Amino acid sequence: MKQKRTKRIEIALTEEEHQTLQSMKTKQRLAEWIRETALQQHKPKKIKQVDPRLLFELNRIGVNINQIARVCNAKKADINLLNIALSLKEIELKLGRLIDNAS
């Protein structure tokens, strides 16, 4: 026997938020979709196997960055922060591409 739904929750949305939810719903009725989405059990994401060589390289890069930071901090080196920031951003982008290609 189906349980009768007697409890209500009311939320206020902007027109844009309402339209966003309407476009996301996978059920005919928005309330049904929200209920299902909110109450579903979230499964942990599967962790993909990663090439151990990639992990080794990422670790090596991290160690190198830490060593550079330690030297700069210890010697109060005259450093160009903009160049360092740009270099780190470039490294971040390359690592992102590496990880995307490994997936």
PDB file of N, CA and C in Angstrom:
ATOM      1  N   MET A   1       0.835  -1.182   0.000  1.00  0.00           N
ATOM      2  CA  MET A   1       0.000   0.000   0.000  1.00  0.00           C
ATOM      3  C   MET A   1       0.882   1.249   0.000  1.00  0.00           C
ATOM      4  N   LYS A   2       0.570   2.170  -0.857  1.00  0.00           N
ATOM      5  CA  LYS A   2       1.331   3.416  -0.941  1.00  0.00           C
ATOM      6  C   LYS A   2       1.104   4.267   0.291  1.00  0.00           C
ATOM      7  N   GLN A   3       2.189   4.869   0.760  1.00  0.00           N
ATOM      8  CA  GLN A   3       2.058   5.797   1.885  1.00  0.00           C
ATOM      9  C   GLN A   3       1.556   7.132   1.357  1.00  0.00           C
ATOM     10  N   LYS A   4       0.662   7.728   2.118  1.00  0.00           N
ATOM     11  CA  LYS A   4       0.131   9.029   1.728  1.00  0.00           C
ATOM     12  C   LYS A   4       1.127  10.112   2.120  1.00  0.00           C
ATOM     13  N   ARG A   5       1.383  11.002   1.205  1.00  0.00           N
ATOM     14  CA  ARG A   5       2.296  12.115   1.482  1.00  0.00           C
ATOM     15  C   ARG A   5       1.493  13.257   2.093  1.00  0.00           C
ATOM     16  N   THR A   6       1.812  13.553   3.348  1.00  0.00           N
ATOM     17  CA  THR A   6       1.056  14.597   4.045  1.00  0.00           C
ATOM     18  C   THR A   6       1.918  15.787   4.434  1.00  0.00           C
ATOM     19  N   LYS A   7       3.213  15.658   4.356  1.00  0.00           N
ATOM     20  CA  LYS A   7       4.127  16.734   4.751  1.00  0.00           C
ATOM     21  C   LYS A   7       4.499  17.561   3.528  1.00  0.00           C
ATOM     22  N   ARG A   8       4.524  18.871   3.706  1.00  0.00           N
ATOM     23  CA  ARG A   8       4.857  19.773   2.601  1.00  0.00           C
ATOM     24  C   ARG A   8       6.065  20.621   2.971  1.00  0.00           C
ATOM     25  N   ILE A   9       6.824  20.942   1.958  1.00  0.00           N
ATOM     26  CA  ILE A   9       7.947  21.867   2.092  1.00  0.00           C
ATOM     27  C   ILE A   9       7.735  22.933   1.028  1.00  0.00           C
ATOM     28  N   GLU A  10       7.878  24.173   1.429  1.00  0.00           N
ATOM     29  CA  GLU A  10       7.695  25.263   0.472  1.00  0.00           C
ATOM     30  C   GLU A  10       9.018  26.009   0.328  1.00  0.00           C
ATOM     31  N   ILE A  11       9.408  26.264  -0.916  1.00  0.00           N
ATOM     32  CA  ILE A  11      10.623  27.040  -1.168  1.00  0.00           C
ATOM     33  C   ILE A  11      10.283  28.168  -2.136  1.00  0.00           C
ATOM     34  N   ALA A  12      11.051  29.224  -2.048  1.00  0.00           N
ATOM     35  CA  ALA A  12      10.872  30.352  -2.964  1.00  0.00           C
ATOM     36  C   ALA A  12      12.023  30.351  -3.963  1.00  0.00           C
ATOM     37  N   LEU A  13      11.694  30.533  -5.224  1.00  0.00           N
ATOM     38  CA  LEU A  13      12.689  30.547  -6.294  1.00  0.00           C
ATOM     39  C   LEU A  13      12.527  31.802  -7.133  1.00  0.00           C
ATOM     40  N   THR A  14      13.626  32.211  -7.731  1.00  0.00           N
ATOM     41  CA  THR A  14      13.526  33.266  -8.735  1.00  0.00           C
ATOM     42  C   THR A  14      12.995  32.623 -10.011  1.00  0.00           C
ATOM     43  N   GLU A  15      12.584  33.434 -10.940  1.00  0.00           N
ATOM     44  CA  GLU A  15      12.108  32.903 -12.219  1.00  0.00           C
ATOM     45  C   GLU A  15      13.218  32.094 -12.897  1.00  0.00           C
ATOM     46  N   GLU A  16      14.434  32.608 -12.831  1.00  0.00           N
ATOM     47  CA  GLU A  16      15.571  31.923 -13.457  1.00  0.00           C
ATOM     48  C   GLU A  16      15.829  30.565 -12.799  1.00  0.00           C
ATOM     49  N   GLU A  17      15.798  30.522 -11.463  1.00  0.00           N
ATOM     50  CA  GLU A  17      16.001  29.252 -10.756  1.00  0.00           C
ATOM     51  C   GLU A  17      14.908  28.252 -11.117  1.00  0.00           C
ATOM     52  N   HIS A  18      13.678  28.739 -11.192  1.00  0.00           N
ATOM     53  CA  HIS A  18      12.556  27.868 -11.548  1.00  0.00           C
ATOM     54  C   HIS A  18      12.743  27.302 -12.951  1.00  0.00           C
ATOM     55  N   GLN A  19      13.123  28.141 -13.889  1.00  0.00           N
ATOM     56  CA  GLN A  19      13.351  27.686 -15.263  1.00  0.00           C
ATOM     57  C   GLN A  19      14.495  26.674 -15.321  1.00  0.00           C
ATOM     58  N   THR A  20      15.539  26.915 -14.525  1.00  0.00           N
ATOM     59  CA  THR A  20      16.668  25.981 -14.491  1.00  0.00           C
ATOM     60  C   THR A  20      16.206  24.612 -14.020  1.00  0.00           C
ATOM     61  N   LEU A  21      15.437  24.583 -12.931  1.00  0.00           N
ATOM     62  CA  LEU A  21      14.930  23.303 -12.424  1.00  0.00           C
ATOM     63  C   LEU A  21      14.003  22.641 -13.435  1.00  0.00           C
ATOM     64  N   GLN A  22      13.159  23.431 -14.075  1.00  0.00           N
ATOM     65  CA  GLN A  22      12.247  22.874 -15.082  1.00  0.00           C
ATOM     66  C   GLN A  22      13.031  22.202 -16.213  1.00  0.00           C
ATOM     67  N   SER A  23      14.128  22.826 -16.609  1.00  0.00           N
ATOM     68  CA  SER A  23      14.909  22.266 -17.721  1.00  0.00           C
ATOM     69  C   SER A  23      15.715  21.039 -17.291  1.00  0.00           C
ATOM     70  N   MET A  24      15.979  20.907 -15.995  1.00  0.00           N
ATOM     71  CA  MET A  24      16.774  19.779 -15.497  1.00  0.00           C
ATOM     72  C   MET A  24      15.931  18.548 -15.183  1.00  0.00           C
ATOM     73  N   LYS A  25      14.657  18.734 -14.950  1.00  0.00           N
ATOM     74  CA  LYS A  25      13.826  17.629 -14.469  1.00  0.00           C
ATOM     75  C   LYS A  25      13.749  16.504 -15.495  1.00  0.00           C
ATOM     76  N   THR A  26      13.673  15.291 -14.974  1.00  0.00           N
ATOM     77  CA  THR A  26      13.561  14.113 -15.831  1.00  0.00           C
ATOM     78  C   THR A  26      12.203  13.439 -15.657  1.00  0.00           C
ATOM     79  N   LYS A  27      11.358  14.022 -14.861  1.00  0.00           N
ATOM     80  CA  LYS A  27       9.995  13.518 -14.634  1.00  0.00           C
ATOM     81  C   LYS A  27       9.005  14.553 -15.148  1.00  0.00           C
ATOM     82  N   GLN A  28       7.763  14.125 -15.329  1.00  0.00           N
ATOM     83  CA  GLN A  28       6.732  15.046 -15.808  1.00  0.00           C
ATOM     84  C   GLN A  28       6.497  16.164 -14.803  1.00  0.00           C
ATOM     85  N   ARG A  29       6.412  15.797 -13.527  1.00  0.00           N
ATOM     86  CA  ARG A  29       6.122  16.789 -12.494  1.00  0.00           C
ATOM     87  C   ARG A  29       7.404  17.186 -11.774  1.00  0.00           C
ATOM     88  N   LEU A  30       7.587  18.489 -11.587  1.00  0.00           N
ATOM     89  CA  LEU A  30       8.783  19.011 -10.930  1.00  0.00           C
ATOM     90  C   LEU A  30       8.901  18.489  -9.500  1.00  0.00           C
ATOM     91  N   ALA A  31       7.797  18.455  -8.766  1.00  0.00           N
ATOM     92  CA  ALA A  31       7.828  17.995  -7.370  1.00  0.00           C
ATOM     93  C   ALA A  31       8.333  16.556  -7.277  1.00  0.00           C
ATOM     94  N   GLU A  32       7.883  15.716  -8.193  1.00  0.00           N
ATOM     95  CA  GLU A  32       8.308  14.313  -8.199  1.00  0.00           C
ATOM     96  C   GLU A  32       9.815  14.209  -8.458  1.00  0.00           C
ATOM     97  N   TRP A  33      10.285  14.998  -9.427  1.00  0.00           N
ATOM     98  CA  TRP A  33      11.719  14.973  -9.747  1.00  0.00           C
ATOM     99  C   TRP A  33      12.553  15.471  -8.571  1.00  0.00           C
ATOM    100  N   ILE A  34      12.137  16.583  -7.937  1.00  0.00           N
ATOM    101  CA  ILE A  34      12.883  17.128  -6.796  1.00  0.00           C
ATOM    102  C   ILE A  34      12.920  16.107  -5.667  1.00  0.00           C
ATOM    103  N   ARG A  35      11.777  15.485  -5.371  1.00  0.00           N
ATOM    104  CA  ARG A  35      11.713  14.484  -4.300  1.00  0.00           C
ATOM    105  C   ARG A  35      12.676  13.330  -4.595  1.00  0.00           C
ATOM    106  N   GLU A  36      12.614  12.801  -5.809  1.00  0.00           N
ATOM    107  CA  GLU A  36      13.476  11.684  -6.186  1.00  0.00           C
ATOM    108  C   GLU A  36      14.955  12.066  -6.120  1.00  0.00           C
ATOM    109  N   THR A  37      15.269  13.238  -6.648  1.00  0.00           N
ATOM    110  CA  THR A  37      16.659  13.702  -6.680  1.00  0.00           C
ATOM    111  C   THR A  37      17.194  13.927  -5.276  1.00  0.00           C
ATOM    112  N   ALA A  38      16.396  14.525  -4.419  1.00  0.00           N
ATOM    113  CA  ALA A  38      16.850  14.840  -3.061  1.00  0.00           C
ATOM    114  C   ALA A  38      16.999  13.591  -2.204  1.00  0.00           C
ATOM    115  N   LEU A  39      16.174  12.588  -2.443  1.00  0.00           N
ATOM    116  CA  LEU A  39      16.173  11.411  -1.572  1.00  0.00           C
ATOM    117  C   LEU A  39      17.005  10.248  -2.092  1.00  0.00           C
ATOM    118  N   GLN A  40      17.493  10.341  -3.298  1.00  0.00           N
ATOM    119  CA  GLN A  40      18.264   9.212  -3.830  1.00  0.00           C
ATOM    120  C   GLN A  40      19.576   9.064  -3.082  1.00  0.00           C
ATOM    121  N   GLN A  41      20.021   7.838  -2.970  1.00  0.00           N
ATOM    122  CA  GLN A  41      21.292   7.553  -2.312  1.00  0.00           C
ATOM    123  C   GLN A  41      22.415   7.911  -3.277  1.00  0.00           C
ATOM    124  N   HIS A  42      23.334   8.720  -2.802  1.00  0.00           N
ATOM    125  CA  HIS A  42      24.468   9.106  -3.640  1.00  0.00           C
ATOM    126  C   HIS A  42      25.532   8.024  -3.551  1.00  0.00           C
ATOM    127  N   LYS A  43      25.889   7.500  -4.705  1.00  0.00           N
ATOM    128  CA  LYS A  43      26.923   6.472  -4.751  1.00  0.00           C
ATOM    129  C   LYS A  43      28.272   7.161  -4.879  1.00  0.00           C
ATOM    130  N   PRO A  44      29.260   6.653  -4.155  1.00  0.00           N
ATOM    131  CA  PRO A  44      30.588   7.257  -4.297  1.00  0.00           C
ATOM    132  C   PRO A  44      31.084   7.094  -5.730  1.00  0.00           C
ATOM    133  N   LYS A  45      31.796   8.108  -6.194  1.00  0.00           N
ATOM    134  CA  LYS A  45      32.338   8.043  -7.546  1.00  0.00           C
ATOM    135  C   LYS A  45      33.381   6.944  -7.630  1.00  0.00           C
ATOM    136  N   LYS A  46      33.385   6.268  -8.774  1.00  0.00           N
ATOM    137  CA  LYS A  46      34.401   5.253  -8.994  1.00  0.00           C
ATOM    138  C   LYS A  46      35.744   5.934  -9.195  1.00  0.00           C
ATOM    139  N   ILE A  47      36.742   5.380  -8.578  1.00  0.00           N
ATOM    140  CA  ILE A  47      38.090   5.901  -8.760  1.00  0.00           C
ATOM    141  C   ILE A  47      38.709   5.137  -9.921  1.00  0.00           C
ATOM    142  N   LYS A  48      39.100   5.886 -10.926  1.00  0.00           N
ATOM    143  CA  LYS A  48      39.690   5.253 -12.103  1.00  0.00           C
ATOM    144  C   LYS A  48      41.116   4.833 -11.800  1.00  0.00           C
ATOM    145  N   GLN A  49      41.520   3.766 -12.455  1.00  0.00           N
ATOM    146  CA  GLN A  49      42.904   3.336 -12.339  1.00  0.00           C
ATOM    147  C   GLN A  49      43.787   4.372 -13.024  1.00  0.00           C
ATOM    148  N   VAL A  50      44.832   4.757 -12.344  1.00  0.00           N
ATOM    149  CA  VAL A  50      45.747   5.751 -12.889  1.00  0.00           C
ATOM    150  C   VAL A  50      47.103   5.087 -13.074  1.00  0.00           C
ATOM    151  N   ASP A  51      47.735   5.415 -14.159  1.00  0.00           N
ATOM    152  CA  ASP A  51      49.058   4.877 -14.455  1.00  0.00           C
ATOM    153  C   ASP A  51      50.017   5.256 -13.326  1.00  0.00           C
ATOM    154  N   PRO A  52      50.663   4.273 -12.691  1.00  0.00           N
ATOM    155  CA  PRO A  52      51.591   4.571 -11.597  1.00  0.00           C
ATOM    156  C   PRO A  52      52.712   5.522 -12.018  1.00  0.00           C
ATOM    157  N   ARG A  53      53.108   5.485 -13.284  1.00  0.00           N
ATOM    158  CA  ARG A  53      54.155   6.397 -13.765  1.00  0.00           C
ATOM    159  C   ARG A  53      53.668   7.839 -13.711  1.00  0.00           C
ATOM    160  N   LEU A  54      52.378   8.047 -14.007  1.00  0.00           N
ATOM    161  CA  LEU A  54      51.803   9.387 -13.934  1.00  0.00           C
ATOM    162  C   LEU A  54      51.811   9.883 -12.492  1.00  0.00           C
ATOM    163  N   LEU A  55      51.422   9.015 -11.557  1.00  0.00           N
ATOM    164  CA  LEU A  55      51.441   9.397 -10.145  1.00  0.00           C
ATOM    165  C   LEU A  55      52.857   9.726  -9.690  1.00  0.00           C
ATOM    166  N   PHE A  56      53.822   8.947 -10.141  1.00  0.00           N
ATOM    167  CA  PHE A  56      55.218   9.198  -9.778  1.00  0.00           C
ATOM    168  C   PHE A  56      55.657  10.569 -10.281  1.00  0.00           C
ATOM    169  N   GLU A  57      55.316  10.887 -11.536  1.00  0.00           N
ATOM    170  CA  GLU A  57      55.697  12.176 -12.120  1.00  0.00           C
ATOM    171  C   GLU A  57      55.015  13.336 -11.396  1.00  0.00           C
ATOM    172  N   LEU A  58      53.731  13.168 -11.072  1.00  0.00           N
ATOM    173  CA  LEU A  58      53.021  14.218 -10.338  1.00  0.00           C
ATOM    174  C   LEU A  58      53.654  14.445  -8.973  1.00  0.00           C
ATOM    175  N   ASN A  59      54.015  13.372  -8.305  1.00  0.00           N
ATOM    176  CA  ASN A  59      54.673  13.490  -7.003  1.00  0.00           C
ATOM    177  C   ASN A  59      56.012  14.207  -7.143  1.00  0.00           C
ATOM    178  N   ARG A  60      56.772  13.851  -8.170  1.00  0.00           N
ATOM    179  CA  ARG A  60      58.080  14.468  -8.391  1.00  0.00           C
ATOM    180  C   ARG A  60      57.939  15.971  -8.629  1.00  0.00           C
ATOM    181  N   ILE A  61      56.934  16.351  -9.412  1.00  0.00           N
ATOM    182  CA  ILE A  61      56.685  17.771  -9.675  1.00  0.00           C
ATOM    183  C   ILE A  61      56.329  18.489  -8.376  1.00  0.00           C
ATOM    184  N   GLY A  62      55.475  17.864  -7.570  1.00  0.00           N
ATOM    185  CA  GLY A  62      55.093  18.464  -6.289  1.00  0.00           C
ATOM    186  C   GLY A  62      56.279  18.659  -5.373  1.00  0.00           C
ATOM    187  N   VAL A  63      57.166  17.669  -5.322  1.00  0.00           N
ATOM    188  CA  VAL A  63      58.373  17.772  -4.491  1.00  0.00           C
ATOM    189  C   VAL A  63      59.239  18.925  -4.982  1.00  0.00           C
ATOM    190  N   ASN A  64      59.401  19.037  -6.299  1.00  0.00           N
ATOM    191  CA  ASN A  64      60.213  20.127  -6.862  1.00  0.00           C
ATOM    192  C   ASN A  64      59.630  21.498  -6.517  1.00  0.00           C
ATOM    193  N   ILE A  65      58.316  21.630  -6.620  1.00  0.00           N
ATOM    194  CA  ILE A  65      57.678  22.909  -6.290  1.00  0.00           C
ATOM    195  C   ILE A  65      57.894  23.239  -4.820  1.00  0.00           C
ATOM    196  N   ASN A  66      57.765  22.237  -3.952  1.00  0.00           N
ATOM    197  CA  ASN A  66      57.991  22.471  -2.518  1.00  0.00           C
ATOM    198  C   ASN A  66      59.433  22.889  -2.239  1.00  0.00           C
ATOM    199  N   GLN A  67      60.381  22.277  -2.940  1.00  0.00           N
ATOM    200  CA  GLN A  67      61.788  22.644  -2.744  1.00  0.00           C
ATOM    201  C   GLN A  67      62.040  24.083  -3.184  1.00  0.00           C
ATOM    202  N   ILE A  68      61.447  24.470  -4.293  1.00  0.00           N
ATOM    203  CA  ILE A  68      61.595  25.850  -4.773  1.00  0.00           C
ATOM    204  C   ILE A  68      61.018  26.820  -3.749  1.00  0.00           C
ATOM    205  N   ALA A  69      59.839  26.508  -3.239  1.00  0.00           N
ATOM    206  CA  ALA A  69      59.205  27.383  -2.244  1.00  0.00           C
ATOM    207  C   ALA A  69      60.060  27.486  -0.991  1.00  0.00           C
ATOM    208  N   ARG A  70      60.634  26.376  -0.562  1.00  0.00           N
ATOM    209  CA  ARG A  70      61.466  26.376   0.645  1.00  0.00           C
ATOM    210  C   ARG A  70      62.693  27.263   0.461  1.00  0.00           C
ATOM    211  N   VAL A  71      63.348  27.161  -0.692  1.00  0.00           N
ATOM    212  CA  VAL A  71      64.535  27.978  -0.964  1.00  0.00           C
ATOM    213  C   VAL A  71      64.161  29.459  -1.002  1.00  0.00           C
ATOM    214  N   CYS A  72      63.061  29.774  -1.689  1.00  0.00           N
ATOM    215  CA  CYS A  72      62.626  31.180  -1.776  1.00  0.00           C
ATOM    216  C   CYS A  72      62.321  31.740  -0.397  1.00  0.00           C
ATOM    217  N   ASN A  73      61.663  30.965   0.428  1.00  0.00           N
ATOM    218  CA  ASN A  73      61.318  31.436   1.773  1.00  0.00           C
ATOM    219  C   ASN A  73      62.547  31.561   2.666  1.00  0.00           C
ATOM    220  N   ALA A  74      63.463  30.614   2.563  1.00  0.00           N
ATOM    221  CA  ALA A  74      64.645  30.607   3.433  1.00  0.00           C
ATOM    222  C   ALA A  74      65.588  31.751   3.093  1.00  0.00           C
ATOM    223  N   LYS A  75      65.772  32.015   1.817  1.00  0.00           N
ATOM    224  CA  LYS A  75      66.737  33.030   1.395  1.00  0.00           C
ATOM    225  C   LYS A  75      66.088  34.389   1.202  1.00  0.00           C
ATOM    226  N   LYS A  76      64.794  34.448   1.411  1.00  0.00           N
ATOM    227  CA  LYS A  76      64.063  35.695   1.142  1.00  0.00           C
ATOM    228  C   LYS A  76      64.492  36.231  -0.224  1.00  0.00           C
ATOM    229  N   ALA A  77      64.510  35.311  -1.160  1.00  0.00           N
ATOM    230  CA  ALA A  77      65.023  35.602  -2.495  1.00  0.00           C
ATOM    231  C   ALA A  77      64.238  36.728  -3.160  1.00  0.00           C
ATOM    232  N   ASP A  78      64.944  37.477  -3.989  1.00  0.00           N
ATOM    233  CA  ASP A  78      64.318  38.515  -4.791  1.00  0.00           C
ATOM    234  C   ASP A  78      63.639  37.798  -5.955  1.00  0.00           C
ATOM    235  N   ILE A  79      62.353  37.614  -5.838  1.00  0.00           N
ATOM    236  CA  ILE A  79      61.649  36.815  -6.836  1.00  0.00           C
ATOM    237  C   ILE A  79      60.595  37.658  -7.536  1.00  0.00           C
ATOM    238  N   ASN A  80      60.333  37.278  -8.745  1.00  0.00           N
ATOM    239  CA  ASN A  80      59.299  37.932  -9.521  1.00  0.00           C
ATOM    240  C   ASN A  80      58.030  37.087  -9.376  1.00  0.00           C
ATOM    241  N   LEU A  81      57.130  37.526  -8.504  1.00  0.00           N
ATOM    242  CA  LEU A  81      55.934  36.748  -8.194  1.00  0.00           C
ATOM    243  C   LEU A  81      55.045  36.531  -9.409  1.00  0.00           C
ATOM    244  N   LEU A  82      54.992  37.497 -10.303  1.00  0.00           N
ATOM    245  CA  LEU A  82      54.160  37.342 -11.487  1.00  0.00           C
ATOM    246  C   LEU A  82      54.664  36.193 -12.349  1.00  0.00           C
ATOM    247  N   ASN A  83      55.982  36.123 -12.566  1.00  0.00           N
ATOM    248  CA  ASN A  83      56.541  35.024 -13.361  1.00  0.00           C
ATOM    249  C   ASN A  83      56.287  33.680 -12.700  1.00  0.00           C
ATOM    250  N   ILE A  84      56.427  33.634 -11.385  1.00  0.00           N
ATOM    251  CA  ILE A  84      56.178  32.378 -10.672  1.00  0.00           C
ATOM    252  C   ILE A  84      54.711  31.986 -10.809  1.00  0.00           C
ATOM    253  N   ALA A  85      53.811  32.945 -10.635  1.00  0.00           N
ATOM    254  CA  ALA A  85      52.382  32.657 -10.747  1.00  0.00           C
ATOM    255  C   ALA A  85      52.035  32.162 -12.148  1.00  0.00           C
ATOM    256  N   LEU A  86      52.605  32.795 -13.170  1.00  0.00           N
ATOM    257  CA  LEU A  86      52.346  32.364 -14.545  1.00  0.00           C
ATOM    258  C   LEU A  86      52.892  30.967 -14.797  1.00  0.00           C
ATOM    259  N   SER A  87      54.072  30.682 -14.266  1.00  0.00           N
ATOM    260  CA  SER A  87      54.661  29.350 -14.427  1.00  0.00           C
ATOM    261  C   SER A  87      53.810  28.296 -13.734  1.00  0.00           C
ATOM    262  N   LEU A  88      53.350  28.606 -12.528  1.00  0.00           N
ATOM    263  CA  LEU A  88      52.509  27.653 -11.807  1.00  0.00           C
ATOM    264  C   LEU A  88      51.189  27.428 -12.534  1.00  0.00           C
ATOM    265  N   LYS A  89      50.625  28.475 -13.112  1.00  0.00           N
ATOM    266  CA  LYS A  89      49.377  28.331 -13.866  1.00  0.00           C
ATOM    267  C   LYS A  89      49.601  27.442 -15.080  1.00  0.00           C
ATOM    268  N   GLU A  90      50.738  27.622 -15.742  1.00  0.00           N
ATOM    269  CA  GLU A  90      51.071  26.795 -16.900  1.00  0.00           C
ATOM    270  C   GLU A  90      51.207  25.331 -16.484  1.00  0.00           C
ATOM    271  N   ILE A  91      51.864  25.088 -15.359  1.00  0.00           N
ATOM    272  CA  ILE A  91      52.009  23.724 -14.840  1.00  0.00           C
ATOM    273  C   ILE A  91      50.637  23.138 -14.538  1.00  0.00           C
ATOM    274  N   GLU A  92      49.779  23.938 -13.913  1.00  0.00           N
ATOM    275  CA  GLU A  92      48.434  23.470 -13.570  1.00  0.00           C
ATOM    276  C   GLU A  92      47.661  23.066 -14.826  1.00  0.00           C
ATOM    277  N   LEU A  93      47.740  23.875 -15.875  1.00  0.00           N
ATOM    278  CA  LEU A  93      47.042  23.564 -17.121  1.00  0.00           C
ATOM    279  C   LEU A  93      47.580  22.287 -17.757  1.00  0.00           C
ATOM    280  N   LYS A  94      48.904  22.137 -17.760  1.00  0.00           N
ATOM    281  CA  LYS A  94      49.509  20.936 -18.340  1.00  0.00           C
ATOM    282  C   LYS A  94      49.125  19.694 -17.548  1.00  0.00           C
ATOM    283  N   LEU A  95      49.105  19.815 -16.225  1.00  0.00           N
ATOM    284  CA  LEU A  95      48.704  18.679 -15.392  1.00  0.00           C
ATOM    285  C   LEU A  95      47.248  18.317 -15.653  1.00  0.00           C
ATOM    286  N   GLY A  96      46.413  19.323 -15.817  1.00  0.00           N
ATOM    287  CA  GLY A  96      45.006  19.066 -16.115  1.00  0.00           C
ATOM    288  C   GLY A  96      44.841  18.303 -17.416  1.00  0.00           C
ATOM    289  N   ARG A  97      45.599  18.705 -18.433  1.00  0.00           N
ATOM    290  CA  ARG A  97      45.536  17.995 -19.717  1.00  0.00           C
ATOM    291  C   ARG A  97      46.062  16.577 -19.575  1.00  0.00           C
ATOM    292  N   LEU A  98      47.135  16.409 -18.803  1.00  0.00           N
ATOM    293  CA  LEU A  98      47.692  15.079 -18.568  1.00  0.00           C
ATOM    294  C   LEU A  98      46.664  14.172 -17.916  1.00  0.00           C
ATOM    295  N   ILE A  99      45.994  14.688 -16.903  1.00  0.00           N
ATOM    296  CA  ILE A  99      45.003  13.895 -16.180  1.00  0.00           C
ATOM    297  C   ILE A  99      43.821  13.576 -17.085  1.00  0.00           C
ATOM    298  N   ASP A 100      43.378  14.548 -17.887  1.00  0.00           N
ATOM    299  CA  ASP A 100      42.272  14.300 -18.812  1.00  0.00           C
ATOM    300  C   ASP A 100      42.634  13.217 -19.816  1.00  0.00           C
ATOM    301  N   ASN A 101      43.858  13.250 -20.313  1.00  0.00           N
ATOM    302  CA  ASN A 101      44.296  12.254 -21.291  1.00  0.00           C
ATOM    303  C   ASN A 101      44.442  10.878 -20.665  1.00  0.00           C
ATOM    304  N   ALA A 102      44.757  10.832 -19.368  1.00  0.00           N
ATOM    305  CA  ALA A 102      44.939   9.551 -18.689  1.00  0.00           C
ATOM    306  C   ALA A 102      43.600   8.891 -18.377  1.00  0.00           C
ATOM    307  N   SER A 103      42.533   9.684 -18.326  1.00  0.00           N
ATOM    308  CA  SER A 103      41.214   9.129 -17.957  1.00  0.00           C
ATOM    309  C   SER A 103      40.605   8.371 -19.102  1.00  0.00           C
TER     310      SER A 103
END
